[in-house]
Amino acid sequence: MQHKMQEGTIISFTTISHPPKGFENQPRTIGLIELDDGKQVLGELNLSKLIATSYKLIGYRVKPHTRLSRINEQGLRIYEVCYEPLAQKPMETKKEFPGYIVALTGPSGVGKTTISKLLTSQISIYTVQVPILTTRKPSDQDENEYTYIDAKKFEVLKKQGKLAAASNIPSTTDTRWYGYRKSDIEKIWEEGKIPVVITEKGLLQDLSRHFGRRSILSFGLLPPGNSKRMMLSCLLHRLRQRGRDSEASIQDRLKNAQQDLEFFEQKSHLFDDLIVNEDVDAVFNALKGRVLEVVSQ
């Protein structure tokens, strides 16, 4: 229940006219809430201050509190989290379309950087790589894809609202923040080109919330394998073969990779396509075709 105790936004709702036995004998409005951490939950809406038929609830911000839900047959009082719409103008659910962003999401070692470099070099007339802000230290293996800043400056940019996306990627050795500046993406749009970003679950969700899901041409990259175990084995082989990471870093990346693979299933609506990266040329040609479709519209 604790993870539900945060504010969120109503993305859909329904009213149950005849509640099941044990519940109060009056209509109940159940909402699908997107919490501030990006998770979606179902919860009852407390509309005592709003008349559901007179308001468009989708887009309203809500705050949580606990309330008595029902009394079971043993006389136990069951409490659940309920959400109360805030008395304010609802958030705009139909954002103005700012432009397309190509997002490549997947675990470490799946080939995101390789594919992004092919896209931004072979069809550079249409695409530009967006620099990734990071608080981690530079590595000899980095290939100019990062802009390095300290943690304090990163936090200042977050508070000033200058980041379109920010995510803390778990590591046993240090705290590493990654993000994208709004201005870097908007500058590329001003040039009439399509920004290309490398993301993980936190960054992808932030970009979708900030610019709108329609703006994200979202592609999930998967390693070859008929099971998660085989996919992770493939990633382990690739990470060791490229020789860029310590063994501790590789183990961190594998732990995160397990969550990434689950994310594809849990948040399938955030992806336009899931592509197995077994042949780099085939993946590049597929994505190139999608980009050319967009620019020809």
C-alpha atoms as a PDB file:
ATOM      1  CA  MET A   1       0.000   0.000   0.000  1.00  0.00           C
ATOM      2  CA  GLN A   2       2.874   2.361   0.788  1.00  0.00           C
ATOM      3  CA  HIS A   3       3.939   2.823  -2.840  1.00  0.00           C
ATOM      4  CA  LYS A   4       0.415   4.098  -3.620  1.00  0.00           C
ATOM      5  CA  MET A   5       0.773   6.976  -1.142  1.00  0.00           C
ATOM      6  CA  GLN A   6       1.905   9.544  -3.681  1.00  0.00           C
ATOM      7  CA  GLU A   7       0.209  12.015  -5.940  1.00  0.00           C
ATOM      8  CA  GLY A   8      -0.588  11.248  -9.545  1.00  0.00           C
ATOM      9  CA  THR A   9      -2.790  11.983 -12.545  1.00  0.00           C
ATOM     10  CA  ILE A  10      -6.054  10.350 -13.655  1.00  0.00           C
ATOM     11  CA  ILE A  11      -5.595   8.763 -17.085  1.00  0.00           C
ATOM     12  CA  SER A  12      -8.943   6.893 -17.212  1.00  0.00           C
ATOM     13  CA  PHE A  13     -11.863   6.006 -14.949  1.00  0.00           C
ATOM     14  CA  THR A  14     -15.088   4.016 -14.739  1.00  0.00           C
ATOM     15  CA  THR A  15     -18.092   4.033 -12.418  1.00  0.00           C
ATOM     16  CA  ILE A  16     -19.408   0.816 -10.838  1.00  0.00           C
ATOM     17  CA  SER A  17     -23.149   1.280 -10.387  1.00  0.00           C
ATOM     18  CA  HIS A  18     -23.720  -1.892  -8.352  1.00  0.00           C
ATOM     19  CA  PRO A  19     -20.749  -2.605  -6.051  1.00  0.00           C
ATOM     20  CA  PRO A  20     -20.097  -6.202  -4.910  1.00  0.00           C
ATOM     21  CA  LYS A  21     -21.417  -7.538  -1.611  1.00  0.00           C
ATOM     22  CA  GLY A  22     -19.686  -6.030   1.407  1.00  0.00           C
ATOM     23  CA  PHE A  23     -19.165  -2.604  -0.146  1.00  0.00           C
ATOM     24  CA  GLU A  24     -21.332   0.452   0.448  1.00  0.00           C
ATOM     25  CA  ASN A  25     -24.501   0.272  -1.616  1.00  0.00           C
ATOM     26  CA  GLN A  26     -23.737   3.273  -3.790  1.00  0.00           C
ATOM     27  CA  PRO A  27     -21.861   3.866  -7.049  1.00  0.00           C
ATOM     28  CA  ARG A  28     -18.043   3.755  -6.828  1.00  0.00           C
ATOM     29  CA  THR A  29     -15.770   5.537  -9.276  1.00  0.00           C
ATOM     30  CA  ILE A  30     -12.504   3.694  -9.933  1.00  0.00           C
ATOM     31  CA  GLY A  31      -9.641   5.523 -11.611  1.00  0.00           C
ATOM     32  CA  LEU A  32      -6.477   4.386 -13.362  1.00  0.00           C
ATOM     33  CA  ILE A  33      -3.843   6.638 -11.795  1.00  0.00           C
ATOM     34  CA  GLU A  34      -0.352   7.302 -13.141  1.00  0.00           C
ATOM     35  CA  LEU A  35       1.697   7.992 -10.023  1.00  0.00           C
ATOM     36  CA  ASP A  36       4.550  10.491  -9.972  1.00  0.00           C
ATOM     37  CA  ASP A  37       7.095   7.651 -10.100  1.00  0.00           C
ATOM     38  CA  GLY A  38       5.587   6.482 -13.421  1.00  0.00           C
ATOM     39  CA  LYS A  39       3.753   3.416 -12.076  1.00  0.00           C
ATOM     40  CA  GLN A  40       0.050   2.937 -12.789  1.00  0.00           C
ATOM     41  CA  VAL A  41      -2.409   1.807 -10.118  1.00  0.00           C
ATOM     42  CA  LEU A  42      -6.161   1.389  -9.728  1.00  0.00           C
ATOM     43  CA  GLY A  43      -7.815   3.312  -6.919  1.00  0.00           C
ATOM     44  CA  GLU A  44     -11.192   4.587  -5.815  1.00  0.00           C
ATOM     45  CA  LEU A  45     -11.819   8.271  -6.486  1.00  0.00           C
ATOM     46  CA  ASN A  46     -13.335  10.398  -3.759  1.00  0.00           C
ATOM     47  CA  LEU A  47     -15.659  12.735  -5.659  1.00  0.00           C
ATOM     48  CA  SER A  48     -17.308  14.354  -2.669  1.00  0.00           C
ATOM     49  CA  LYS A  49     -16.006  17.727  -3.826  1.00  0.00           C
ATOM     50  CA  LEU A  50     -16.655  17.127  -7.515  1.00  0.00           C
ATOM     51  CA  ILE A  51     -19.687  15.951  -9.450  1.00  0.00           C
ATOM     52  CA  ALA A  52     -18.391  13.227 -11.750  1.00  0.00           C
ATOM     53  CA  THR A  53     -20.997  13.882 -14.439  1.00  0.00           C
ATOM     54  CA  SER A  54     -20.103  17.566 -14.546  1.00  0.00           C
ATOM     55  CA  TYR A  55     -16.327  17.214 -14.797  1.00  0.00           C
ATOM     56  CA  LYS A  56     -13.955  15.583 -17.216  1.00  0.00           C
ATOM     57  CA  LEU A  57     -11.837  13.712 -14.689  1.00  0.00           C
ATOM     58  CA  ILE A  58      -9.067  12.626 -17.082  1.00  0.00           C
ATOM     59  CA  GLY A  59      -6.056  14.855 -16.516  1.00  0.00           C
ATOM     60  CA  TYR A  60      -6.913  15.816 -12.939  1.00  0.00           C
ATOM     61  CA  ARG A  61      -4.163  15.660 -10.350  1.00  0.00           C
ATOM     62  CA  VAL A  62      -5.051  13.550  -7.299  1.00  0.00           C
ATOM     63  CA  LYS A  63      -3.677  13.112  -3.791  1.00  0.00           C
ATOM     64  CA  PRO A  64      -3.921   9.860  -1.767  1.00  0.00           C
ATOM     65  CA  HIS A  65      -5.425   9.138   1.621  1.00  0.00           C
ATOM     66  CA  THR A  66      -6.736   6.017   3.357  1.00  0.00           C
ATOM     67  CA  ARG A  67     -10.426   5.396   3.954  1.00  0.00           C
ATOM     68  CA  LEU A  68     -12.686   2.594   5.097  1.00  0.00           C
ATOM     69  CA  SER A  69     -13.441   0.504   2.035  1.00  0.00           C
ATOM     70  CA  ARG A  70     -15.658  -2.266   3.437  1.00  0.00           C
ATOM     71  CA  ILE A  71     -16.342  -4.561   6.355  1.00  0.00           C
ATOM     72  CA  ASN A  72     -15.842  -8.233   5.598  1.00  0.00           C
ATOM     73  CA  GLU A  73     -17.947 -11.164   6.802  1.00  0.00           C
ATOM     74  CA  GLN A  74     -15.770 -11.536   9.912  1.00  0.00           C
ATOM     75  CA  GLY A  75     -16.450  -7.937  10.842  1.00  0.00           C
ATOM     76  CA  LEU A  76     -12.937  -6.745  10.000  1.00  0.00           C
ATOM     77  CA  ARG A  77     -12.678  -3.187   8.737  1.00  0.00           C
ATOM     78  CA  ILE A  78     -10.747  -3.078   5.461  1.00  0.00           C
ATOM     79  CA  TYR A  79      -8.944   0.151   4.612  1.00  0.00           C
ATOM     80  CA  GLU A  80      -7.666   1.027   1.136  1.00  0.00           C
ATOM     81  CA  VAL A  81      -5.951   3.942  -0.558  1.00  0.00           C
ATOM     82  CA  CYS A  82      -8.408   6.390  -2.078  1.00  0.00           C
ATOM     83  CA  TYR A  83      -7.559   9.333  -4.352  1.00  0.00           C
ATOM     84  CA  GLU A  84      -9.083  12.791  -4.102  1.00  0.00           C
ATOM     85  CA  PRO A  85      -8.995  15.063  -7.176  1.00  0.00           C
ATOM     86  CA  LEU A  86      -7.317  18.358  -6.361  1.00  0.00           C
ATOM     87  CA  ALA A  87      -9.442  21.474  -6.752  1.00  0.00           C
ATOM     88  CA  GLN A  88      -7.513  22.885  -9.664  1.00  0.00           C
ATOM     89  CA  LYS A  89      -7.637  23.052 -13.411  1.00  0.00           C
ATOM     90  CA  PRO A  90      -6.841  19.591 -14.810  1.00  0.00           C
ATOM     91  CA  MET A  91      -3.585  19.021 -16.602  1.00  0.00           C
ATOM     92  CA  GLU A  92      -3.818  19.353 -20.353  1.00  0.00           C
ATOM     93  CA  THR A  93      -3.975  15.831 -21.764  1.00  0.00           C
ATOM     94  CA  LYS A  94      -3.655  16.810 -25.425  1.00  0.00           C
ATOM     95  CA  LYS A  95      -0.289  18.476 -25.770  1.00  0.00           C
ATOM     96  CA  GLU A  96       0.717  20.426 -28.812  1.00  0.00           C
ATOM     97  CA  PHE A  97       2.814  18.124 -30.983  1.00  0.00           C
ATOM     98  CA  PRO A  98       6.401  19.466 -30.699  1.00  0.00           C
ATOM     99  CA  GLY A  99       8.101  17.050 -33.110  1.00  0.00           C
ATOM    100  CA  TYR A 100       9.446  13.516 -33.252  1.00  0.00           C
ATOM    101  CA  ILE A 101      12.206  12.021 -31.105  1.00  0.00           C
ATOM    102  CA  VAL A 102      13.763   8.642 -31.934  1.00  0.00           C
ATOM    103  CA  ALA A 103      14.324   6.784 -28.641  1.00  0.00           C
ATOM    104  CA  LEU A 104      16.421   3.625 -28.416  1.00  0.00           C
ATOM    105  CA  THR A 105      15.849   1.703 -25.186  1.00  0.00           C
ATOM    106  CA  GLY A 106      17.452  -1.481 -23.938  1.00  0.00           C
ATOM    107  CA  PRO A 107      19.939  -3.047 -21.535  1.00  0.00           C
ATOM    108  CA  SER A 108      23.684  -2.381 -21.592  1.00  0.00           C
ATOM    109  CA  GLY A 109      25.409  -4.326 -24.328  1.00  0.00           C
ATOM    110  CA  VAL A 110      22.373  -4.584 -26.591  1.00  0.00           C
ATOM    111  CA  GLY A 111      23.812  -2.153 -29.172  1.00  0.00           C
ATOM    112  CA  LYS A 112      22.003   1.146 -28.549  1.00  0.00           C
ATOM    113  CA  THR A 113      25.107   3.291 -29.070  1.00  0.00           C
ATOM    114  CA  THR A 114      26.108   1.450 -32.251  1.00  0.00           C
ATOM    115  CA  ILE A 115      22.647   1.826 -33.794  1.00  0.00           C
ATOM    116  CA  SER A 116      22.361   5.486 -32.787  1.00  0.00           C
ATOM    117  CA  LYS A 117      25.739   6.290 -34.353  1.00  0.00           C
ATOM    118  CA  LEU A 118      24.700   4.588 -37.591  1.00  0.00           C
ATOM    119  CA  LEU A 119      21.453   6.569 -37.685  1.00  0.00           C
ATOM    120  CA  THR A 120      23.131   9.898 -37.014  1.00  0.00           C
ATOM    121  CA  SER A 121      26.012   9.320 -39.442  1.00  0.00           C
ATOM    122  CA  GLN A 122      24.348   7.512 -42.349  1.00  0.00           C
ATOM    123  CA  ILE A 123      21.260   9.748 -42.435  1.00  0.00           C
ATOM    124  CA  SER A 124      22.726  12.839 -40.773  1.00  0.00           C
ATOM    125  CA  ILE A 125      20.657  15.028 -43.097  1.00  0.00           C
ATOM    126  CA  TYR A 126      17.654  14.032 -40.964  1.00  0.00           C
ATOM    127  CA  THR A 127      18.969  12.995 -37.527  1.00  0.00           C
ATOM    128  CA  VAL A 128      21.189  14.326 -34.731  1.00  0.00           C
ATOM    129  CA  GLN A 129      22.409  12.593 -31.571  1.00  0.00           C
ATOM    130  CA  VAL A 130      21.360  14.384 -28.382  1.00  0.00           C
ATOM    131  CA  PRO A 131      24.211  14.621 -25.849  1.00  0.00           C
ATOM    132  CA  ILE A 132      23.569  12.699 -22.632  1.00  0.00           C
ATOM    133  CA  LEU A 133      24.179  14.632 -19.421  1.00  0.00           C
ATOM    134  CA  THR A 134      25.826  12.487 -16.767  1.00  0.00           C
ATOM    135  CA  THR A 135      27.318  12.912 -13.327  1.00  0.00           C
ATOM    136  CA  ARG A 136      29.590   9.896 -13.692  1.00  0.00           C
ATOM    137  CA  LYS A 137      33.294  10.213 -14.349  1.00  0.00           C
ATOM    138  CA  PRO A 138      34.591  10.064 -17.942  1.00  0.00           C
ATOM    139  CA  SER A 139      35.896   6.759 -19.240  1.00  0.00           C
ATOM    140  CA  ASP A 140      38.569   6.110 -21.852  1.00  0.00           C
ATOM    141  CA  GLN A 141      35.987   3.982 -23.665  1.00  0.00           C
ATOM    142  CA  ASP A 142      33.437   6.827 -24.056  1.00  0.00           C
ATOM    143  CA  GLU A 143      32.875   8.047 -27.595  1.00  0.00           C
ATOM    144  CA  ASN A 144      31.862  11.711 -27.201  1.00  0.00           C
ATOM    145  CA  GLU A 145      28.223  10.867 -26.482  1.00  0.00           C
ATOM    146  CA  TYR A 146      28.292  12.374 -22.958  1.00  0.00           C
ATOM    147  CA  THR A 147      28.359  15.833 -21.434  1.00  0.00           C
ATOM    148  CA  TYR A 148      29.904  15.528 -17.968  1.00  0.00           C
ATOM    149  CA  ILE A 149      28.672  17.715 -15.112  1.00  0.00           C
ATOM    150  CA  ASP A 150      28.872  17.439 -11.341  1.00  0.00           C
ATOM    151  CA  ALA A 151      25.941  16.257  -9.231  1.00  0.00           C
ATOM    152  CA  LYS A 152      25.234  19.723  -7.785  1.00  0.00           C
ATOM    153  CA  LYS A 153      24.886  21.320 -11.222  1.00  0.00           C
ATOM    154  CA  PHE A 154      22.688  18.424 -12.364  1.00  0.00           C
ATOM    155  CA  GLU A 155      20.396  18.968  -9.373  1.00  0.00           C
ATOM    156  CA  VAL A 156      20.210  22.695 -10.126  1.00  0.00           C
ATOM    157  CA  LEU A 157      19.136  21.970 -13.717  1.00  0.00           C
ATOM    158  CA  LYS A 158      16.419  19.625 -12.388  1.00  0.00           C
ATOM    159  CA  LYS A 159      15.084  22.224  -9.962  1.00  0.00           C
ATOM    160  CA  GLN A 160      15.101  24.901 -12.667  1.00  0.00           C
ATOM    161  CA  GLY A 161      13.008  22.651 -14.918  1.00  0.00           C
ATOM    162  CA  LYS A 162      15.642  22.601 -17.652  1.00  0.00           C
ATOM    163  CA  LEU A 163      15.747  18.810 -17.951  1.00  0.00           C
ATOM    164  CA  ALA A 164      13.229  16.946 -20.081  1.00  0.00           C
ATOM    165  CA  ALA A 165      14.323  13.671 -18.483  1.00  0.00           C
ATOM    166  CA  ALA A 166      16.483  12.539 -15.579  1.00  0.00           C
ATOM    167  CA  SER A 167      17.207   9.109 -14.122  1.00  0.00           C
ATOM    168  CA  ASN A 168      19.442   7.643 -11.434  1.00  0.00           C
ATOM    169  CA  ILE A 169      20.741   4.325 -12.750  1.00  0.00           C
ATOM    170  CA  PRO A 170      21.605   1.939  -9.870  1.00  0.00           C
ATOM    171  CA  SER A 171      25.267   1.151  -9.248  1.00  0.00           C
ATOM    172  CA  THR A 172      27.129  -0.426  -6.340  1.00  0.00           C
ATOM    173  CA  THR A 173      30.140   1.848  -6.825  1.00  0.00           C
ATOM    174  CA  ASP A 174      28.675   5.355  -7.152  1.00  0.00           C
ATOM    175  CA  THR A 175      25.576   7.453  -7.740  1.00  0.00           C
ATOM    176  CA  ARG A 176      25.117   8.136 -11.438  1.00  0.00           C
ATOM    177  CA  TRP A 177      22.547  10.516 -12.834  1.00  0.00           C
ATOM    178  CA  TYR A 178      21.740  10.743 -16.535  1.00  0.00           C
ATOM    179  CA  GLY A 179      19.484  13.194 -18.328  1.00  0.00           C
ATOM    180  CA  TYR A 180      18.563  15.250 -21.386  1.00  0.00           C
ATOM    181  CA  ARG A 181      18.261  19.030 -21.568  1.00  0.00           C
ATOM    182  CA  LYS A 182      15.128  20.471 -23.137  1.00  0.00           C
ATOM    183  CA  SER A 183      17.226  23.067 -24.959  1.00  0.00           C
ATOM    184  CA  ASP A 184      19.399  20.421 -26.678  1.00  0.00           C
ATOM    185  CA  ILE A 185      16.328  18.668 -28.087  1.00  0.00           C
ATOM    186  CA  GLU A 186      14.536  21.883 -29.056  1.00  0.00           C
ATOM    187  CA  LYS A 187      17.644  23.184 -30.850  1.00  0.00           C
ATOM    188  CA  ILE A 188      17.662  20.096 -33.090  1.00  0.00           C
ATOM    189  CA  TRP A 189      13.987  20.617 -33.915  1.00  0.00           C
ATOM    190  CA  GLU A 190      14.762  24.229 -34.830  1.00  0.00           C
ATOM    191  CA  GLU A 191      17.296  22.870 -37.324  1.00  0.00           C
ATOM    192  CA  GLY A 192      14.495  20.810 -38.900  1.00  0.00           C
ATOM    193  CA  LYS A 193      15.996  17.490 -37.805  1.00  0.00           C
ATOM    194  CA  ILE A 194      14.997  14.563 -35.574  1.00  0.00           C
ATOM    195  CA  PRO A 195      16.740  14.120 -32.195  1.00  0.00           C
ATOM    196  CA  VAL A 196      18.009  10.620 -31.408  1.00  0.00           C
ATOM    197  CA  VAL A 197      18.257   9.634 -27.739  1.00  0.00           C
ATOM    198  CA  ILE A 198      19.523   6.586 -25.879  1.00  0.00           C
ATOM    199  CA  THR A 199      17.242   5.810 -22.948  1.00  0.00           C
ATOM    200  CA  GLU A 200      16.377   3.426 -20.154  1.00  0.00           C
ATOM    201  CA  LYS A 201      13.057   3.070 -18.359  1.00  0.00           C
ATOM    202  CA  GLY A 202      13.276   6.270 -16.316  1.00  0.00           C
ATOM    203  CA  LEU A 203      14.449   8.494 -19.162  1.00  0.00           C
ATOM    204  CA  LEU A 204      11.894   7.078 -21.615  1.00  0.00           C
ATOM    205  CA  GLN A 205       8.992   7.657 -19.212  1.00  0.00           C
ATOM    206  CA  ASP A 206      10.131  11.206 -18.481  1.00  0.00           C
ATOM    207  CA  LEU A 207      10.438  12.061 -22.179  1.00  0.00           C
ATOM    208  CA  SER A 208       6.982  10.620 -22.878  1.00  0.00           C
ATOM    209  CA  ARG A 209       5.455  12.649 -20.054  1.00  0.00           C
ATOM    210  CA  HIS A 210       7.229  15.853 -21.023  1.00  0.00           C
ATOM    211  CA  PHE A 211       6.777  15.860 -24.800  1.00  0.00           C
ATOM    212  CA  GLY A 212       3.803  13.475 -25.095  1.00  0.00           C
ATOM    213  CA  ARG A 213       3.823   9.808 -26.104  1.00  0.00           C
ATOM    214  CA  ARG A 214       2.971  10.671 -29.711  1.00  0.00           C
ATOM    215  CA  SER A 215       6.294  12.509 -30.070  1.00  0.00           C
ATOM    216  CA  ILE A 216       8.392   9.465 -29.204  1.00  0.00           C
ATOM    217  CA  LEU A 217       9.304   7.028 -31.972  1.00  0.00           C
ATOM    218  CA  SER A 218      10.172   4.412 -29.396  1.00  0.00           C
ATOM    219  CA  PHE A 219      12.161   1.293 -30.201  1.00  0.00           C
ATOM    220  CA  GLY A 220      13.096  -1.366 -27.663  1.00  0.00           C
ATOM    221  CA  LEU A 221      16.254  -3.307 -28.515  1.00  0.00           C
ATOM    222  CA  LEU A 222      16.473  -6.911 -27.319  1.00  0.00           C
ATOM    223  CA  PRO A 223      19.438  -9.298 -27.347  1.00  0.00           C
ATOM    224  CA  PRO A 224      19.007 -12.628 -29.162  1.00  0.00           C
ATOM    225  CA  GLY A 225      17.616 -15.534 -27.156  1.00  0.00           C
ATOM    226  CA  ASN A 226      14.446 -17.580 -26.681  1.00  0.00           C
ATOM    227  CA  SER A 227      14.328 -16.882 -22.938  1.00  0.00           C
ATOM    228  CA  LYS A 228      15.391 -14.167 -20.513  1.00  0.00           C
ATOM    229  CA  ARG A 229      18.187 -16.404 -19.309  1.00  0.00           C
ATOM    230  CA  MET A 230      19.563 -16.781 -22.836  1.00  0.00           C
ATOM    231  CA  MET A 231      19.215 -13.021 -23.449  1.00  0.00           C
ATOM    232  CA  LEU A 232      21.140 -12.216 -20.261  1.00  0.00           C
ATOM    233  CA  SER A 233      23.796 -14.748 -21.232  1.00  0.00           C
ATOM    234  CA  CYS A 234      24.171 -13.003 -24.594  1.00  0.00           C
ATOM    235  CA  LEU A 235      24.504  -9.616 -22.866  1.00  0.00           C
ATOM    236  CA  LEU A 236      27.124 -10.989 -20.469  1.00  0.00           C
ATOM    237  CA  HIS A 237      29.157 -12.266 -23.419  1.00  0.00           C
ATOM    238  CA  ARG A 238      28.916  -8.909 -25.222  1.00  0.00           C
ATOM    239  CA  LEU A 239      29.827  -6.856 -22.135  1.00  0.00           C
ATOM    240  CA  ARG A 240      32.914  -8.956 -21.469  1.00  0.00           C
ATOM    241  CA  GLN A 241      33.879  -9.038 -25.131  1.00  0.00           C
ATOM    242  CA  ARG A 242      33.853  -5.240 -25.548  1.00  0.00           C
ATOM    243  CA  GLY A 243      36.295  -4.861 -22.639  1.00  0.00           C
ATOM    244  CA  ARG A 244      34.937  -1.533 -21.413  1.00  0.00           C
ATOM    245  CA  ASP A 245      33.701  -2.476 -17.937  1.00  0.00           C
ATOM    246  CA  SER A 246      35.066  -3.895 -14.710  1.00  0.00           C
ATOM    247  CA  GLU A 247      33.539  -7.122 -13.424  1.00  0.00           C
ATOM    248  CA  ALA A 248      31.677  -5.150 -10.721  1.00  0.00           C
ATOM    249  CA  SER A 249      30.257  -2.842 -13.387  1.00  0.00           C
ATOM    250  CA  ILE A 250      29.221  -5.810 -15.530  1.00  0.00           C
ATOM    251  CA  GLN A 251      27.320  -7.347 -12.616  1.00  0.00           C
ATOM    252  CA  ASP A 252      25.559  -4.007 -12.022  1.00  0.00           C
ATOM    253  CA  ARG A 253      24.603  -3.843 -15.676  1.00  0.00           C
ATOM    254  CA  LEU A 254      23.244  -7.396 -15.652  1.00  0.00           C
ATOM    255  CA  LYS A 255      21.052  -6.636 -12.623  1.00  0.00           C
ATOM    256  CA  ASN A 256      19.695  -3.571 -14.381  1.00  0.00           C
ATOM    257  CA  ALA A 257      19.244  -5.610 -17.577  1.00  0.00           C
ATOM    258  CA  GLN A 258      16.840  -7.985 -15.823  1.00  0.00           C
ATOM    259  CA  GLN A 259      14.661  -5.000 -14.886  1.00  0.00           C
ATOM    260  CA  ASP A 260      14.938  -3.621 -18.425  1.00  0.00           C
ATOM    261  CA  LEU A 261      13.622  -6.860 -19.920  1.00  0.00           C
ATOM    262  CA  GLU A 262      10.697  -6.829 -17.476  1.00  0.00           C
ATOM    263  CA  PHE A 263      10.027  -3.199 -18.353  1.00  0.00           C
ATOM    264  CA  PHE A 264       9.365  -4.157 -21.983  1.00  0.00           C
ATOM    265  CA  GLU A 265       6.489  -6.347 -20.775  1.00  0.00           C
ATOM    266  CA  GLN A 266       5.166  -4.021 -18.081  1.00  0.00           C
ATOM    267  CA  LYS A 267       5.187  -0.855 -20.203  1.00  0.00           C
ATOM    268  CA  SER A 268       4.563  -2.215 -23.689  1.00  0.00           C
ATOM    269  CA  HIS A 269       2.443   0.860 -24.529  1.00  0.00           C
ATOM    270  CA  LEU A 270       5.619   2.975 -24.455  1.00  0.00           C
ATOM    271  CA  PHE A 271       7.104   1.138 -27.453  1.00  0.00           C
ATOM    272  CA  ASP A 272       6.280   1.297 -31.148  1.00  0.00           C
ATOM    273  CA  ASP A 273       8.402  -1.773 -31.870  1.00  0.00           C
ATOM    274  CA  LEU A 274      10.572  -4.309 -30.052  1.00  0.00           C
ATOM    275  CA  ILE A 275      13.495  -5.367 -32.227  1.00  0.00           C
ATOM    276  CA  VAL A 276      15.951  -8.211 -31.656  1.00  0.00           C
ATOM    277  CA  ASN A 277      19.448  -6.910 -32.393  1.00  0.00           C
ATOM    278  CA  GLU A 278      20.991  -9.990 -33.965  1.00  0.00           C
ATOM    279  CA  ASP A 279      22.052  -8.275 -37.179  1.00  0.00           C
ATOM    280  CA  VAL A 280      23.127  -4.628 -36.829  1.00  0.00           C
ATOM    281  CA  ASP A 281      22.604  -3.839 -40.516  1.00  0.00           C
ATOM    282  CA  ALA A 282      19.084  -5.257 -40.469  1.00  0.00           C
ATOM    283  CA  VAL A 283      18.177  -3.209 -37.380  1.00  0.00           C
ATOM    284  CA  PHE A 284      19.665  -0.053 -38.870  1.00  0.00           C
ATOM    285  CA  ASN A 285      17.781  -0.491 -42.146  1.00  0.00           C
ATOM    286  CA  ALA A 286      14.507  -1.074 -40.293  1.00  0.00           C
ATOM    287  CA  LEU A 287      14.923   2.095 -38.208  1.00  0.00           C
ATOM    288  CA  LYS A 288      16.147   4.065 -41.192  1.00  0.00           C
ATOM    289  CA  GLY A 289      12.931   3.137 -42.990  1.00  0.00           C
ATOM    290  CA  ARG A 290      10.831   4.393 -40.071  1.00  0.00           C
ATOM    291  CA  VAL A 291      12.687   7.705 -39.973  1.00  0.00           C
ATOM    292  CA  LEU A 292      12.287   8.198 -43.718  1.00  0.00           C
ATOM    293  CA  GLU A 293       8.550   7.501 -43.370  1.00  0.00           C
ATOM    294  CA  VAL A 294       8.281  10.300 -40.816  1.00  0.00           C
ATOM    295  CA  VAL A 295      10.248  12.906 -42.783  1.00  0.00           C
ATOM    296  CA  SER A 296       8.225  12.178 -45.904  1.00  0.00           C
ATOM    297  CA  GLN A 297       4.918  12.978 -44.195  1.00  0.00           C
END
